Amino acid sequence: MNGTLTLTFESRRGRTYPAHSAAHPPLAYSWNPTGPAALAYLINQAGLMLGGDHFKIRVDLRPRAHAVVAAQSYGKISKGNGGAAREETDVRVAAGAALEWIGEPSMAYAGARVDQRTRLSLAPGSRLIWISAQMLGRVARGERLAFKSWRHVLEVYEDSQLRFLETWRLEPGRSREACRNALEHYAIMGAALLAAPRWTERFLRRWPAWNSPLSSRRSETLLSGSTVLSPRLLLVRFLAADGQAFKNFSHSLWKAARREIIGSPPISLGKY
């Protein structure tokens, strides 16, 4: 099954609206205004992806637009009868625009093959809060690291220059013990990217918990740390023991970053 979704947001008289949208099932979206920003939910009407499915998502923000994009629920990925479930996301944020992408974990079922690719393009003067994560199986059912393979590629461009490239591939069947040792008891791994014009030093001074090596902020439910990629771009990585730990961490990070980058507290997404 091939699904596509294209969204373009623009600012009109101080408020943001969808200027253009096109969707091919099972992908769809809903939206409503929340003050100056537009809140959009990405929807998979099929409820899950199957092996062989190919989803393409494109989101563009024109100058001065402000959008909050959230997932309707966890992304569920099953093996189906085909090859890998492929998901491509292409996001472009124009000068003066602000995007908050508050994702939910993608969850790979037993036997699934996953190929996820994301490209973020940030123009000068743009702002970004990006949170995404991967869940290593239906942990509540005792299913962990039972998928066949998971490939992940993330590209981040600043001013048309490649600033950050992350790529990894997990194949638990070939190296299950190594995966278990590296990930320990954690069920969710993810990353957040925070960007605004020359703000990272100020943010890290005010929120020193994010300015630490990966191993220095550790608990039974959370492991996290940060890396400054440029004067305007901060990467935060994390491992969470379960969905509740992810929810608590992602919301606290969003709350802290939003005050610095957007200048206001988080809006209600109906799930916090």
Protein backbone atom coordinates (compact mmCIF):
# COMPACT_ATOMS: atom_id res chain seq x y z
CA MET A 1 0.00 0.00 0.00
CA ASN A 2 1.37 3.40 -0.99
CA GLY A 3 0.27 6.43 1.02
CA THR A 4 1.26 10.05 0.51
CA LEU A 5 0.62 13.23 2.44
CA THR A 6 1.72 16.74 1.48
CA LEU A 7 1.09 19.77 3.70
CA THR A 8 2.08 23.39 3.18
CA PHE A 9 1.49 25.99 5.88
CA GLU A 10 1.51 29.75 5.45
CA SER A 11 1.00 32.77 7.69
CA ARG A 12 -1.91 35.12 7.06
CA ARG A 13 -2.49 38.16 9.27
CA GLY A 14 -0.51 36.64 12.13
CA ARG A 15 -2.14 33.18 12.04
CA THR A 16 -1.08 29.98 10.30
CA TYR A 17 -3.30 27.99 7.94
CA PRO A 18 -2.81 25.09 5.52
CA ALA A 19 -2.18 26.70 2.14
CA HIS A 20 -2.11 23.40 0.28
CA SER A 21 -2.71 19.76 1.13
CA ALA A 22 -2.90 16.50 -0.77
CA ALA A 23 -3.41 13.05 0.72
CA HIS A 24 -3.62 9.54 -0.66
CA PRO A 25 -5.08 6.89 1.70
CA PRO A 26 -4.36 5.56 4.16
CA LEU A 27 -2.56 8.79 5.11
CA ALA A 28 -4.69 11.74 6.17
CA TYR A 29 -4.60 14.69 8.55
CA SER A 30 -6.78 16.95 10.62
CA TRP A 31 -6.02 20.44 11.84
CA ASN A 32 -7.30 23.33 13.91
CA PRO A 33 -5.95 26.78 14.85
CA THR A 34 -4.37 27.24 18.29
CA GLY A 35 -3.75 30.94 18.60
CA PRO A 36 -1.15 31.99 16.02
CA ALA A 37 -0.13 28.39 15.28
CA ALA A 38 -1.81 25.59 13.35
CA LEU A 39 -2.10 22.22 15.11
CA ALA A 40 -2.08 19.27 12.69
CA TYR A 41 -2.48 15.57 13.48
CA LEU A 42 -1.01 13.00 11.12
CA ILE A 43 -3.33 10.01 10.70
CA ASN A 44 -2.82 6.51 9.34
CA GLN A 45 -6.38 5.39 8.64
CA ALA A 46 -5.26 1.76 8.30
CA GLY A 47 -4.04 1.75 11.90
CA LEU A 48 -0.65 0.23 11.06
CA MET A 49 1.96 -0.27 8.34
CA LEU A 50 2.64 -3.65 6.75
CA GLY A 51 5.74 -4.99 5.04
CA GLY A 52 5.77 -3.68 1.48
CA ASP A 53 3.91 -0.46 2.37
CA HIS A 54 5.53 2.81 1.31
CA PHE A 55 4.51 6.07 2.96
CA LYS A 56 5.76 9.51 1.88
CA ILE A 57 5.16 12.60 4.01
CA ARG A 58 6.14 16.12 2.94
CA VAL A 59 5.63 19.17 5.18
CA ASP A 60 6.60 22.71 4.14
CA LEU A 61 6.41 25.86 6.24
CA ARG A 62 6.48 29.14 4.36
CA PRO A 63 8.08 32.27 5.89
CA ARG A 64 6.69 33.21 9.34
CA ALA A 65 4.36 30.18 9.49
CA HIS A 66 4.09 28.33 12.82
CA ALA A 67 2.83 24.75 12.93
CA VAL A 68 2.61 22.06 15.60
CA VAL A 69 2.55 18.60 14.03
CA ALA A 70 1.67 15.59 16.19
CA ALA A 71 1.03 11.90 15.61
CA GLN A 72 -2.43 10.56 16.36
CA SER A 73 -0.97 7.49 18.09
CA TYR A 74 2.05 5.18 18.15
CA GLY A 75 3.15 4.09 14.69
CA LYS A 76 2.57 0.32 14.48
CA ILE A 77 4.60 -1.68 11.96
CA SER A 78 3.88 -5.35 11.21
CA LYS A 79 5.68 -7.81 8.92
CA GLY A 80 2.82 -8.35 6.46
CA ASN A 81 3.58 -10.37 3.34
CA GLY A 82 6.04 -8.04 1.60
CA GLY A 83 9.51 -6.68 2.26
CA ALA A 84 10.33 -3.67 4.41
CA ALA A 85 7.78 -1.09 5.48
CA ARG A 86 9.24 2.14 4.09
CA GLU A 87 8.52 5.62 5.45
CA GLU A 88 10.03 8.79 4.00
CA THR A 89 9.56 12.16 5.67
CA ASP A 90 10.73 15.42 4.07
CA VAL A 91 10.35 18.63 6.07
CA ARG A 92 11.32 22.16 5.03
CA VAL A 93 11.15 25.17 7.34
CA ALA A 94 11.50 28.58 5.69
CA ALA A 95 13.09 31.72 7.11
CA GLY A 96 11.20 33.05 10.12
CA ALA A 97 9.00 29.93 10.35
CA ALA A 98 8.67 27.66 13.40
CA LEU A 99 7.87 23.93 13.41
CA GLU A 100 7.13 21.80 16.46
CA TRP A 101 7.08 18.10 15.54
CA ILE A 102 5.92 16.13 18.57
CA GLY A 103 6.12 12.52 17.45
CA GLU A 104 5.04 9.29 19.08
CA PRO A 105 7.26 6.19 18.94
CA SER A 106 7.19 3.90 15.92
CA MET A 107 6.74 0.32 17.20
CA ALA A 108 8.08 -2.67 15.22
CA TYR A 109 6.22 -5.96 15.69
CA ALA A 110 7.85 -9.40 15.56
CA GLY A 111 9.18 -10.21 12.11
CA ALA A 112 8.85 -6.65 10.80
CA ARG A 113 11.36 -5.00 8.49
CA VAL A 114 11.49 -1.20 8.79
CA ASP A 115 13.18 1.43 6.63
CA GLN A 116 12.72 5.02 7.89
CA ARG A 117 14.31 8.06 6.25
CA THR A 118 13.90 11.65 7.40
CA ARG A 119 15.25 14.85 5.85
CA LEU A 120 14.99 18.19 7.68
CA SER A 121 15.90 21.42 5.87
CA LEU A 122 16.19 24.59 7.97
CA ALA A 123 16.46 28.04 6.40
CA PRO A 124 18.25 30.93 8.16
CA GLY A 125 16.17 32.31 11.01
CA SER A 126 13.91 29.26 11.26
CA ARG A 127 13.04 27.51 14.53
CA LEU A 128 12.53 23.81 15.22
CA ILE A 129 11.48 21.45 18.00
CA TRP A 130 11.63 17.88 16.69
CA ILE A 131 10.98 14.80 18.85
CA SER A 132 10.93 11.28 17.42
CA ALA A 133 11.44 7.79 18.81
CA GLN A 134 11.50 4.07 18.03
CA MET A 135 9.97 1.38 20.27
CA LEU A 136 11.72 -1.99 20.14
CA GLY A 137 8.59 -4.14 20.06
CA ARG A 138 5.37 -4.79 21.96
CA VAL A 139 7.18 -4.84 25.27
CA ALA A 140 4.03 -5.18 27.37
CA ARG A 141 3.50 -8.56 25.66
CA GLY A 142 7.07 -9.63 26.31
CA GLU A 143 8.02 -8.96 22.67
CA ARG A 144 11.32 -7.05 22.49
CA LEU A 145 13.90 -6.98 19.70
CA ALA A 146 11.86 -9.52 17.75
CA PHE A 147 11.74 -7.53 14.48
CA LYS A 148 13.89 -8.66 11.54
CA SER A 149 15.61 -5.36 10.78
CA TRP A 150 15.28 -1.63 11.34
CA ARG A 151 17.13 0.91 9.20
CA HIS A 152 17.09 4.57 10.19
CA VAL A 153 18.50 7.58 8.30
CA LEU A 154 18.23 11.20 9.50
CA GLU A 155 19.64 14.13 7.52
CA VAL A 156 19.59 17.70 8.83
CA TYR A 157 20.44 20.61 6.55
CA GLU A 158 21.13 24.16 7.70
CA ASP A 159 21.14 26.83 5.00
CA SER A 160 21.31 24.04 2.36
CA GLN A 161 24.44 22.56 3.97
CA LEU A 162 24.40 19.08 5.49
CA ARG A 163 24.88 19.65 9.23
CA PHE A 164 24.06 16.25 10.71
CA LEU A 165 23.75 12.73 9.33
CA GLU A 166 22.70 9.78 11.45
CA THR A 167 22.31 6.28 10.11
CA TRP A 168 21.99 2.95 11.89
CA ARG A 169 20.67 -0.53 11.27
CA LEU A 170 19.52 -3.02 13.88
CA GLU A 171 19.26 -6.72 13.06
CA PRO A 172 18.55 -8.49 16.36
CA GLY A 173 18.57 -11.94 14.72
CA ARG A 174 22.24 -11.50 13.84
CA SER A 175 23.38 -9.75 17.02
CA ARG A 176 20.63 -10.12 19.62
CA GLU A 177 23.03 -10.32 22.55
CA ALA A 178 24.91 -7.20 21.42
CA CYS A 179 21.62 -5.32 21.02
CA ARG A 180 20.48 -6.36 24.47
CA ASN A 181 23.79 -5.33 26.03
CA ALA A 182 23.80 -1.95 24.30
CA LEU A 183 20.15 -1.11 24.98
CA GLU A 184 19.96 -2.84 28.38
CA HIS A 185 16.38 -2.87 29.66
CA TYR A 186 15.25 0.20 27.73
CA ALA A 187 12.32 -0.20 25.34
CA ILE A 188 12.35 3.14 23.50
CA MET A 189 15.20 5.06 21.92
CA GLY A 190 14.92 8.44 20.30
CA ALA A 191 16.25 11.89 19.61
CA ALA A 192 15.20 15.51 19.73
CA LEU A 193 16.53 18.33 17.58
CA LEU A 194 16.13 21.89 18.81
CA ALA A 195 17.00 24.86 16.61
CA ALA A 196 16.75 28.62 16.85
CA PRO A 197 19.06 31.49 15.87
CA ARG A 198 22.09 31.42 18.23
CA TRP A 199 20.28 30.24 21.31
CA THR A 200 21.94 26.97 22.40
CA GLU A 201 24.38 28.47 24.92
CA ARG A 202 21.61 30.41 26.64
CA PHE A 203 19.39 27.33 26.75
CA LEU A 204 22.12 25.14 28.19
CA ARG A 205 22.94 27.71 30.87
CA ARG A 206 19.30 27.84 31.94
CA TRP A 207 18.66 24.10 31.53
CA PRO A 208 21.96 22.44 32.52
CA ALA A 209 20.31 18.99 32.72
CA TRP A 210 20.48 18.80 28.91
CA ASN A 211 24.14 19.83 28.83
CA SER A 212 25.68 16.55 29.90
CA PRO A 213 27.39 13.46 28.46
CA LEU A 214 25.04 10.61 27.66
CA SER A 215 26.14 8.58 30.67
CA SER A 216 25.72 11.30 33.30
CA ARG A 217 21.93 11.54 33.36
CA ARG A 218 20.79 8.05 34.17
CA SER A 219 17.99 6.35 36.06
CA GLU A 220 16.12 3.06 35.95
CA THR A 221 13.67 4.58 33.48
CA LEU A 222 15.73 7.10 31.48
CA LEU A 223 19.17 7.66 29.95
CA SER A 224 19.80 10.93 28.09
CA GLY A 225 22.43 13.43 26.99
CA SER A 226 23.02 16.23 24.50
CA THR A 227 25.38 17.40 21.78
CA VAL A 228 25.71 20.93 20.38
CA LEU A 229 25.80 20.53 16.59
CA SER A 230 26.07 24.25 15.77
CA PRO A 231 25.44 27.61 17.49
CA ARG A 232 21.74 27.19 16.69
CA LEU A 233 21.22 23.41 16.72
CA LEU A 234 21.12 21.05 19.71
CA LEU A 235 20.73 17.26 19.60
CA VAL A 236 19.30 15.41 22.60
CA ARG A 237 19.39 11.60 22.61
CA PHE A 238 17.48 9.41 25.03
CA LEU A 239 16.57 5.87 26.02
CA ALA A 240 13.34 5.29 27.93
CA ALA A 241 12.24 2.16 29.78
CA ASP A 242 8.60 2.38 28.72
CA GLY A 243 5.90 4.59 27.25
CA GLN A 244 5.31 6.49 30.47
CA ALA A 245 9.00 7.37 30.82
CA PHE A 246 9.04 8.56 27.18
CA LYS A 247 5.93 10.63 27.73
CA ASN A 248 7.32 12.28 30.86
CA PHE A 249 10.69 13.03 29.29
CA SER A 250 9.44 14.27 25.92
CA HIS A 251 6.91 16.57 27.55
CA SER A 252 9.44 18.04 29.98
CA LEU A 253 11.87 18.63 27.10
CA TRP A 254 9.15 20.17 24.93
CA LYS A 255 8.07 22.42 27.79
CA ALA A 256 11.62 23.66 28.44
CA ALA A 257 12.50 24.11 24.76
CA ARG A 258 9.21 25.77 23.87
CA ARG A 259 9.67 28.49 26.47
CA GLU A 260 13.09 29.32 25.00
CA ILE A 261 12.37 28.85 21.29
CA ILE A 262 8.69 29.81 20.95
CA GLY A 263 8.34 31.95 24.07
CA SER A 264 5.26 30.25 25.51
CA PRO A 265 4.27 27.04 27.36
CA PRO A 266 3.18 23.89 25.46
CA ILE A 267 -0.31 23.76 24.07
CA SER A 268 -2.62 20.87 24.89
CA LEU A 269 -2.39 17.97 22.46
CA GLY A 270 -5.16 16.06 24.20
CA LYS A 271 -2.74 13.33 25.34
CA TYR A 272 -0.69 14.86 28.16
